[in-house]
Amino acid sequence: MEVVNTLGRRKTAVARAYVQKGKGEVVINNKDYKTYFTTSVLQYKVNQAFGVTKTLGEYDVKVTVKGGGVTGQAEAVRLAIARALVEMDANHKPLLKAEGLMTRNPKMVERKKPGQKKARKRFQFSKR
């Protein structure tokens, strides 16, 4: 039985997914994905790649995810699963690409600059 290992990133979250043929179990950090991601929106994001490719319930997924917040982690898991599905069957790539699931979202927090309050906000200027 072949296990496919892929990586997904979003902001500072990094997800490593191990995908293989199975009954459709999704485990994230040794918890069921429904207990790890409690909201339905995040659960939808995790299963979005399976829904697009019509492979829901065909693969077992084990994910370890670190860093970031819950939304960033969910989107990192989604990218990792999408990449694994393409690695298993290249015919899935056009479907996933059309939905925008194969693209790494590069948006990250801008660093704080010295002499400023935040990344772009300055300290208050006093003329007198």
N, C-alpha and C. Protein backbone atom coordinates (compact mmCIF):
# COMPACT_ATOMS: atom_id res chain seq x y z
N MET A 1 0.84 -1.18 0.00
CA MET A 1 0.00 0.00 0.00
C MET A 1 0.89 1.24 0.00
N GLU A 2 0.69 2.11 -0.99
CA GLU A 2 1.53 3.28 -1.17
C GLU A 2 1.04 4.45 -0.32
N VAL A 3 1.95 5.05 0.44
CA VAL A 3 1.65 6.24 1.24
C VAL A 3 2.31 7.43 0.58
N VAL A 4 1.51 8.46 0.27
CA VAL A 4 2.03 9.67 -0.36
C VAL A 4 2.21 10.74 0.70
N ASN A 5 3.39 11.35 0.74
CA ASN A 5 3.74 12.36 1.73
C ASN A 5 3.85 13.71 1.03
N THR A 6 3.05 14.71 1.46
CA THR A 6 3.10 16.04 0.85
C THR A 6 3.10 17.11 1.92
N LEU A 7 3.44 18.33 1.49
CA LEU A 7 3.55 19.46 2.39
C LEU A 7 2.64 20.59 1.91
N GLY A 8 1.97 21.25 2.85
CA GLY A 8 1.14 22.40 2.53
C GLY A 8 1.44 23.52 3.49
N ARG A 9 1.51 24.76 3.00
CA ARG A 9 1.80 25.90 3.85
C ARG A 9 0.79 27.02 3.63
N ARG A 10 0.53 27.79 4.70
CA ARG A 10 -0.30 28.99 4.62
C ARG A 10 0.08 29.88 5.78
N LYS A 11 0.44 31.14 5.50
CA LYS A 11 0.97 32.06 6.51
C LYS A 11 2.11 31.37 7.25
N THR A 12 2.01 31.15 8.55
CA THR A 12 3.11 30.47 9.26
C THR A 12 2.75 29.02 9.59
N ALA A 13 1.63 28.52 9.09
CA ALA A 13 1.21 27.14 9.35
C ALA A 13 1.84 26.19 8.33
N VAL A 14 2.31 25.05 8.81
CA VAL A 14 2.90 24.03 7.95
C VAL A 14 2.20 22.71 8.22
N ALA A 15 1.64 22.11 7.17
CA ALA A 15 0.93 20.83 7.31
C ALA A 15 1.64 19.76 6.48
N ARG A 16 1.90 18.62 7.12
CA ARG A 16 2.48 17.48 6.42
C ARG A 16 1.43 16.37 6.39
N ALA A 17 1.03 15.98 5.18
CA ALA A 17 -0.06 15.00 5.02
C ALA A 17 0.48 13.68 4.50
N TYR A 18 -0.03 12.59 5.08
CA TYR A 18 0.28 11.23 4.65
C TYR A 18 -1.03 10.62 4.17
N VAL A 19 -1.14 10.39 2.86
CA VAL A 19 -2.39 9.95 2.25
C VAL A 19 -2.21 8.56 1.67
N GLN A 20 -3.21 7.68 1.91
CA GLN A 20 -3.21 6.33 1.35
C GLN A 20 -4.65 5.89 1.12
N LYS A 21 -4.82 4.87 0.29
CA LYS A 21 -6.16 4.31 0.05
C LYS A 21 -6.74 3.82 1.37
N GLY A 22 -8.05 4.03 1.55
CA GLY A 22 -8.65 3.60 2.81
C GLY A 22 -10.15 3.86 2.85
N LYS A 23 -10.65 4.12 4.08
CA LYS A 23 -12.08 4.27 4.29
C LYS A 23 -12.53 5.73 4.40
N GLY A 24 -11.61 6.67 4.30
CA GLY A 24 -11.98 8.08 4.35
C GLY A 24 -11.77 8.72 5.71
N GLU A 25 -10.90 8.17 6.55
CA GLU A 25 -10.62 8.75 7.86
C GLU A 25 -9.61 9.89 7.72
N VAL A 26 -9.94 11.03 8.32
CA VAL A 26 -9.03 12.18 8.32
C VAL A 26 -8.64 12.46 9.76
N VAL A 27 -7.34 12.29 10.07
CA VAL A 27 -6.82 12.49 11.42
C VAL A 27 -5.80 13.62 11.38
N ILE A 28 -6.00 14.64 12.23
CA ILE A 28 -5.09 15.78 12.29
C ILE A 28 -4.51 15.85 13.70
N ASN A 29 -3.18 15.78 13.80
CA ASN A 29 -2.48 15.78 15.09
C ASN A 29 -3.08 14.76 16.06
N ASN A 30 -3.30 13.54 15.58
CA ASN A 30 -3.84 12.41 16.35
C ASN A 30 -5.25 12.65 16.89
N LYS A 31 -6.01 13.57 16.26
CA LYS A 31 -7.42 13.79 16.61
C LYS A 31 -8.23 13.73 15.32
N ASP A 32 -9.50 13.38 15.44
CA ASP A 32 -10.38 13.42 14.28
C ASP A 32 -10.50 14.87 13.81
N TYR A 33 -10.60 15.09 12.51
CA TYR A 33 -10.61 16.46 12.00
C TYR A 33 -11.82 17.26 12.49
N LYS A 34 -12.91 16.58 12.82
CA LYS A 34 -14.10 17.29 13.31
C LYS A 34 -13.91 17.79 14.74
N THR A 35 -13.06 17.14 15.51
CA THR A 35 -12.78 17.65 16.86
C THR A 35 -11.65 18.67 16.83
N TYR A 36 -10.73 18.54 15.84
CA TYR A 36 -9.62 19.51 15.73
C TYR A 36 -10.12 20.83 15.18
N PHE A 37 -10.89 20.78 14.08
CA PHE A 37 -11.51 21.98 13.51
C PHE A 37 -12.99 21.93 13.83
N THR A 38 -13.44 22.74 14.79
CA THR A 38 -14.81 22.63 15.30
C THR A 38 -15.85 23.28 14.40
N THR A 39 -15.49 24.32 13.64
CA THR A 39 -16.48 25.00 12.80
C THR A 39 -16.66 24.28 11.47
N SER A 40 -17.86 24.40 10.93
CA SER A 40 -18.18 23.71 9.67
C SER A 40 -17.40 24.29 8.49
N VAL A 41 -17.07 25.57 8.54
CA VAL A 41 -16.32 26.21 7.45
C VAL A 41 -14.93 25.58 7.34
N LEU A 42 -14.27 25.39 8.48
CA LEU A 42 -12.93 24.80 8.47
C LEU A 42 -12.97 23.33 8.07
N GLN A 43 -14.02 22.62 8.50
CA GLN A 43 -14.18 21.21 8.12
C GLN A 43 -14.42 21.10 6.61
N TYR A 44 -15.16 22.06 6.05
CA TYR A 44 -15.39 22.09 4.60
C TYR A 44 -14.07 22.30 3.86
N LYS A 45 -13.22 23.21 4.37
CA LYS A 45 -11.94 23.48 3.72
C LYS A 45 -11.06 22.23 3.68
N VAL A 46 -11.08 21.44 4.76
CA VAL A 46 -10.27 20.23 4.82
C VAL A 46 -10.73 19.23 3.76
N ASN A 47 -12.06 19.10 3.56
CA ASN A 47 -12.61 18.12 2.62
C ASN A 47 -12.83 18.68 1.21
N GLN A 48 -12.48 19.94 0.98
CA GLN A 48 -12.79 20.59 -0.30
C GLN A 48 -12.12 19.88 -1.49
N ALA A 49 -10.88 19.47 -1.34
CA ALA A 49 -10.17 18.79 -2.44
C ALA A 49 -10.84 17.46 -2.79
N PHE A 50 -11.31 16.74 -1.77
CA PHE A 50 -12.02 15.48 -2.03
C PHE A 50 -13.34 15.73 -2.74
N GLY A 51 -14.04 16.80 -2.37
CA GLY A 51 -15.33 17.12 -3.00
C GLY A 51 -15.17 17.49 -4.46
N VAL A 52 -14.12 18.26 -4.78
CA VAL A 52 -13.88 18.68 -6.16
C VAL A 52 -13.55 17.48 -7.05
N THR A 53 -12.75 16.55 -6.52
CA THR A 53 -12.32 15.39 -7.31
C THR A 53 -13.26 14.19 -7.18
N LYS A 54 -14.32 14.34 -6.38
CA LYS A 54 -15.31 13.27 -6.16
C LYS A 54 -14.65 12.00 -5.61
N THR A 55 -13.73 12.18 -4.66
CA THR A 55 -13.04 11.04 -4.04
C THR A 55 -13.30 10.99 -2.54
N LEU A 56 -14.40 11.58 -2.09
CA LEU A 56 -14.72 11.62 -0.66
C LEU A 56 -14.91 10.19 -0.13
N GLY A 57 -14.17 9.83 0.91
CA GLY A 57 -14.28 8.51 1.50
C GLY A 57 -13.41 7.44 0.88
N GLU A 58 -12.52 7.82 -0.03
CA GLU A 58 -11.65 6.84 -0.68
C GLU A 58 -10.25 6.78 -0.09
N TYR A 59 -9.83 7.83 0.60
CA TYR A 59 -8.46 7.92 1.10
C TYR A 59 -8.44 8.17 2.60
N ASP A 60 -7.49 7.53 3.28
CA ASP A 60 -7.21 7.84 4.68
C ASP A 60 -6.11 8.89 4.72
N VAL A 61 -6.30 9.91 5.56
CA VAL A 61 -5.35 11.02 5.64
C VAL A 61 -4.90 11.18 7.09
N LYS A 62 -3.58 11.24 7.28
CA LYS A 62 -3.00 11.53 8.59
C LYS A 62 -2.16 12.79 8.41
N VAL A 63 -2.48 13.83 9.19
CA VAL A 63 -1.83 15.13 9.03
C VAL A 63 -1.19 15.56 10.35
N THR A 64 0.03 16.10 10.25
CA THR A 64 0.62 16.82 11.38
C THR A 64 0.75 18.27 10.94
N VAL A 65 0.20 19.16 11.75
CA VAL A 65 0.20 20.58 11.40
C VAL A 65 0.73 21.38 12.58
N LYS A 66 1.59 22.37 12.26
CA LYS A 66 2.21 23.21 13.28
C LYS A 66 2.12 24.67 12.86
N GLY A 67 2.10 25.56 13.84
CA GLY A 67 2.19 26.99 13.60
C GLY A 67 0.90 27.61 13.11
N GLY A 68 0.85 28.94 13.16
CA GLY A 68 -0.28 29.68 12.64
C GLY A 68 -1.53 29.56 13.48
N GLY A 69 -2.64 30.05 12.93
CA GLY A 69 -3.94 29.98 13.58
C GLY A 69 -4.78 28.89 12.95
N VAL A 70 -6.04 28.80 13.37
CA VAL A 70 -6.88 27.70 12.90
C VAL A 70 -7.19 27.80 11.41
N THR A 71 -7.45 29.00 10.91
CA THR A 71 -7.77 29.16 9.48
C THR A 71 -6.54 28.86 8.62
N GLY A 72 -5.39 29.37 9.02
CA GLY A 72 -4.16 29.09 8.29
C GLY A 72 -3.83 27.61 8.29
N GLN A 73 -4.08 26.94 9.42
CA GLN A 73 -3.82 25.51 9.49
C GLN A 73 -4.77 24.74 8.58
N ALA A 74 -6.05 25.12 8.56
CA ALA A 74 -7.02 24.44 7.71
C ALA A 74 -6.66 24.58 6.23
N GLU A 75 -6.22 25.78 5.84
CA GLU A 75 -5.85 26.00 4.44
C GLU A 75 -4.54 25.30 4.09
N ALA A 76 -3.64 25.17 5.05
CA ALA A 76 -2.40 24.41 4.81
C ALA A 76 -2.71 22.93 4.63
N VAL A 77 -3.65 22.40 5.42
CA VAL A 77 -4.07 21.00 5.29
C VAL A 77 -4.72 20.79 3.93
N ARG A 78 -5.56 21.75 3.50
CA ARG A 78 -6.23 21.65 2.20
C ARG A 78 -5.22 21.57 1.06
N LEU A 79 -4.18 22.41 1.10
CA LEU A 79 -3.15 22.39 0.05
C LEU A 79 -2.38 21.07 0.06
N ALA A 80 -2.05 20.57 1.25
CA ALA A 80 -1.31 19.31 1.34
C ALA A 80 -2.13 18.15 0.77
N ILE A 81 -3.42 18.11 1.08
CA ILE A 81 -4.29 17.05 0.56
C ILE A 81 -4.43 17.16 -0.95
N ALA A 82 -4.59 18.37 -1.46
CA ALA A 82 -4.71 18.58 -2.90
C ALA A 82 -3.45 18.12 -3.63
N ARG A 83 -2.30 18.44 -3.08
CA ARG A 83 -1.04 18.01 -3.70
C ARG A 83 -0.90 16.49 -3.69
N ALA A 84 -1.36 15.86 -2.61
CA ALA A 84 -1.30 14.39 -2.51
C ALA A 84 -2.21 13.74 -3.54
N LEU A 85 -3.41 14.30 -3.74
CA LEU A 85 -4.34 13.74 -4.72
C LEU A 85 -3.77 13.83 -6.14
N VAL A 86 -3.07 14.93 -6.43
CA VAL A 86 -2.45 15.08 -7.76
C VAL A 86 -1.31 14.08 -7.92
N GLU A 87 -0.56 13.86 -6.84
CA GLU A 87 0.55 12.90 -6.91
C GLU A 87 0.03 11.48 -7.14
N MET A 88 -1.15 11.17 -6.58
CA MET A 88 -1.73 9.84 -6.77
C MET A 88 -2.36 9.68 -8.16
N ASP A 89 -3.03 10.74 -8.64
CA ASP A 89 -3.68 10.69 -9.95
C ASP A 89 -3.56 12.06 -10.61
N ALA A 90 -2.74 12.15 -11.65
CA ALA A 90 -2.48 13.43 -12.32
C ALA A 90 -3.72 14.00 -13.01
N ASN A 91 -4.75 13.19 -13.23
CA ASN A 91 -5.98 13.68 -13.87
C ASN A 91 -6.76 14.65 -12.98
N HIS A 92 -6.45 14.66 -11.68
CA HIS A 92 -7.14 15.56 -10.75
C HIS A 92 -6.64 17.00 -10.84
N LYS A 93 -5.43 17.19 -11.40
CA LYS A 93 -4.81 18.51 -11.37
C LYS A 93 -5.64 19.62 -12.03
N PRO A 94 -6.20 19.42 -13.24
CA PRO A 94 -6.99 20.51 -13.84
C PRO A 94 -8.21 20.90 -13.01
N LEU A 95 -8.86 19.91 -12.38
CA LEU A 95 -10.03 20.20 -11.54
C LEU A 95 -9.64 21.03 -10.33
N LEU A 96 -8.57 20.63 -9.66
CA LEU A 96 -8.12 21.34 -8.46
C LEU A 96 -7.56 22.71 -8.80
N LYS A 97 -6.87 22.81 -9.93
CA LYS A 97 -6.30 24.10 -10.34
C LYS A 97 -7.40 25.10 -10.67
N ALA A 98 -8.49 24.62 -11.28
CA ALA A 98 -9.61 25.50 -11.62
C ALA A 98 -10.27 26.08 -10.37
N GLU A 99 -10.27 25.31 -9.28
CA GLU A 99 -10.84 25.77 -8.01
C GLU A 99 -9.84 26.60 -7.20
N GLY A 100 -8.58 26.66 -7.66
CA GLY A 100 -7.56 27.44 -6.96
C GLY A 100 -6.96 26.71 -5.77
N LEU A 101 -7.05 25.38 -5.75
CA LEU A 101 -6.56 24.62 -4.61
C LEU A 101 -5.09 24.20 -4.75
N MET A 102 -4.51 24.41 -5.92
CA MET A 102 -3.11 24.02 -6.13
C MET A 102 -2.16 25.19 -5.91
N THR A 103 -2.69 26.37 -5.60
CA THR A 103 -1.88 27.57 -5.46
C THR A 103 -1.52 27.80 -4.00
N ARG A 104 -0.25 28.02 -3.75
CA ARG A 104 0.22 28.38 -2.41
C ARG A 104 -0.09 29.86 -2.20
N ASN A 105 -0.87 30.18 -1.17
CA ASN A 105 -1.22 31.57 -0.89
C ASN A 105 -0.05 32.24 -0.18
N PRO A 106 0.63 33.22 -0.82
CA PRO A 106 1.86 33.76 -0.26
C PRO A 106 1.66 34.84 0.80
N LYS A 107 0.42 35.24 1.06
CA LYS A 107 0.19 36.35 2.00
C LYS A 107 0.64 35.99 3.41
N MET A 108 1.53 36.82 3.95
CA MET A 108 2.03 36.63 5.31
C MET A 108 2.06 37.98 6.00
N VAL A 109 2.21 37.97 7.32
CA VAL A 109 2.26 39.20 8.09
C VAL A 109 3.56 39.93 7.77
N GLU A 110 3.44 41.24 7.51
CA GLU A 110 4.61 42.05 7.21
C GLU A 110 5.39 42.31 8.50
N ARG A 111 6.70 42.32 8.41
CA ARG A 111 7.51 42.48 9.62
C ARG A 111 7.44 43.90 10.15
N LYS A 112 7.64 44.04 11.45
CA LYS A 112 7.69 45.35 12.09
C LYS A 112 9.03 46.00 11.78
N LYS A 113 8.98 47.30 11.41
CA LYS A 113 10.21 48.01 11.09
C LYS A 113 10.68 48.82 12.30
N PRO A 114 12.00 49.01 12.45
CA PRO A 114 12.51 49.81 13.56
C PRO A 114 12.12 51.29 13.40
N GLY A 115 11.86 51.95 14.53
CA GLY A 115 11.47 53.37 14.48
C GLY A 115 10.00 53.56 14.15
N GLN A 116 9.24 52.46 14.09
CA GLN A 116 7.81 52.54 13.81
C GLN A 116 7.06 51.72 14.84
N LYS A 117 5.76 52.05 14.98
CA LYS A 117 4.94 51.36 15.97
C LYS A 117 4.62 49.93 15.52
N LYS A 118 4.25 49.78 14.21
CA LYS A 118 3.96 48.47 13.63
C LYS A 118 4.65 48.39 12.27
N ALA A 119 4.16 47.54 11.37
CA ALA A 119 4.81 47.38 10.07
C ALA A 119 4.77 48.69 9.27
N ARG A 120 3.62 49.34 9.28
CA ARG A 120 3.48 50.58 8.50
C ARG A 120 3.09 51.78 9.34
N LYS A 121 2.47 51.55 10.51
CA LYS A 121 2.03 52.64 11.37
C LYS A 121 3.25 53.31 12.03
N ARG A 122 3.29 54.64 11.96
CA ARG A 122 4.38 55.38 12.58
C ARG A 122 3.99 55.79 14.00
N PHE A 123 5.01 56.19 14.78
CA PHE A 123 4.72 56.83 16.06
C PHE A 123 4.09 58.19 15.79
N GLN A 124 3.31 58.70 16.74
CA GLN A 124 2.63 59.99 16.54
C GLN A 124 3.65 61.10 16.36
N PHE A 125 3.42 61.93 15.35
CA PHE A 125 4.32 63.04 15.03
C PHE A 125 3.83 64.30 15.70
N SER A 126 4.73 64.97 16.41
CA SER A 126 4.40 66.24 17.06
C SER A 126 5.25 67.34 16.45
N LYS A 127 4.60 68.34 15.87
CA LYS A 127 5.31 69.44 15.22
C LYS A 127 5.96 70.33 16.27
N ARG A 128 5.26 70.57 17.38
CA ARG A 128 5.81 71.45 18.44
C ARG A 128 5.94 70.72 19.77
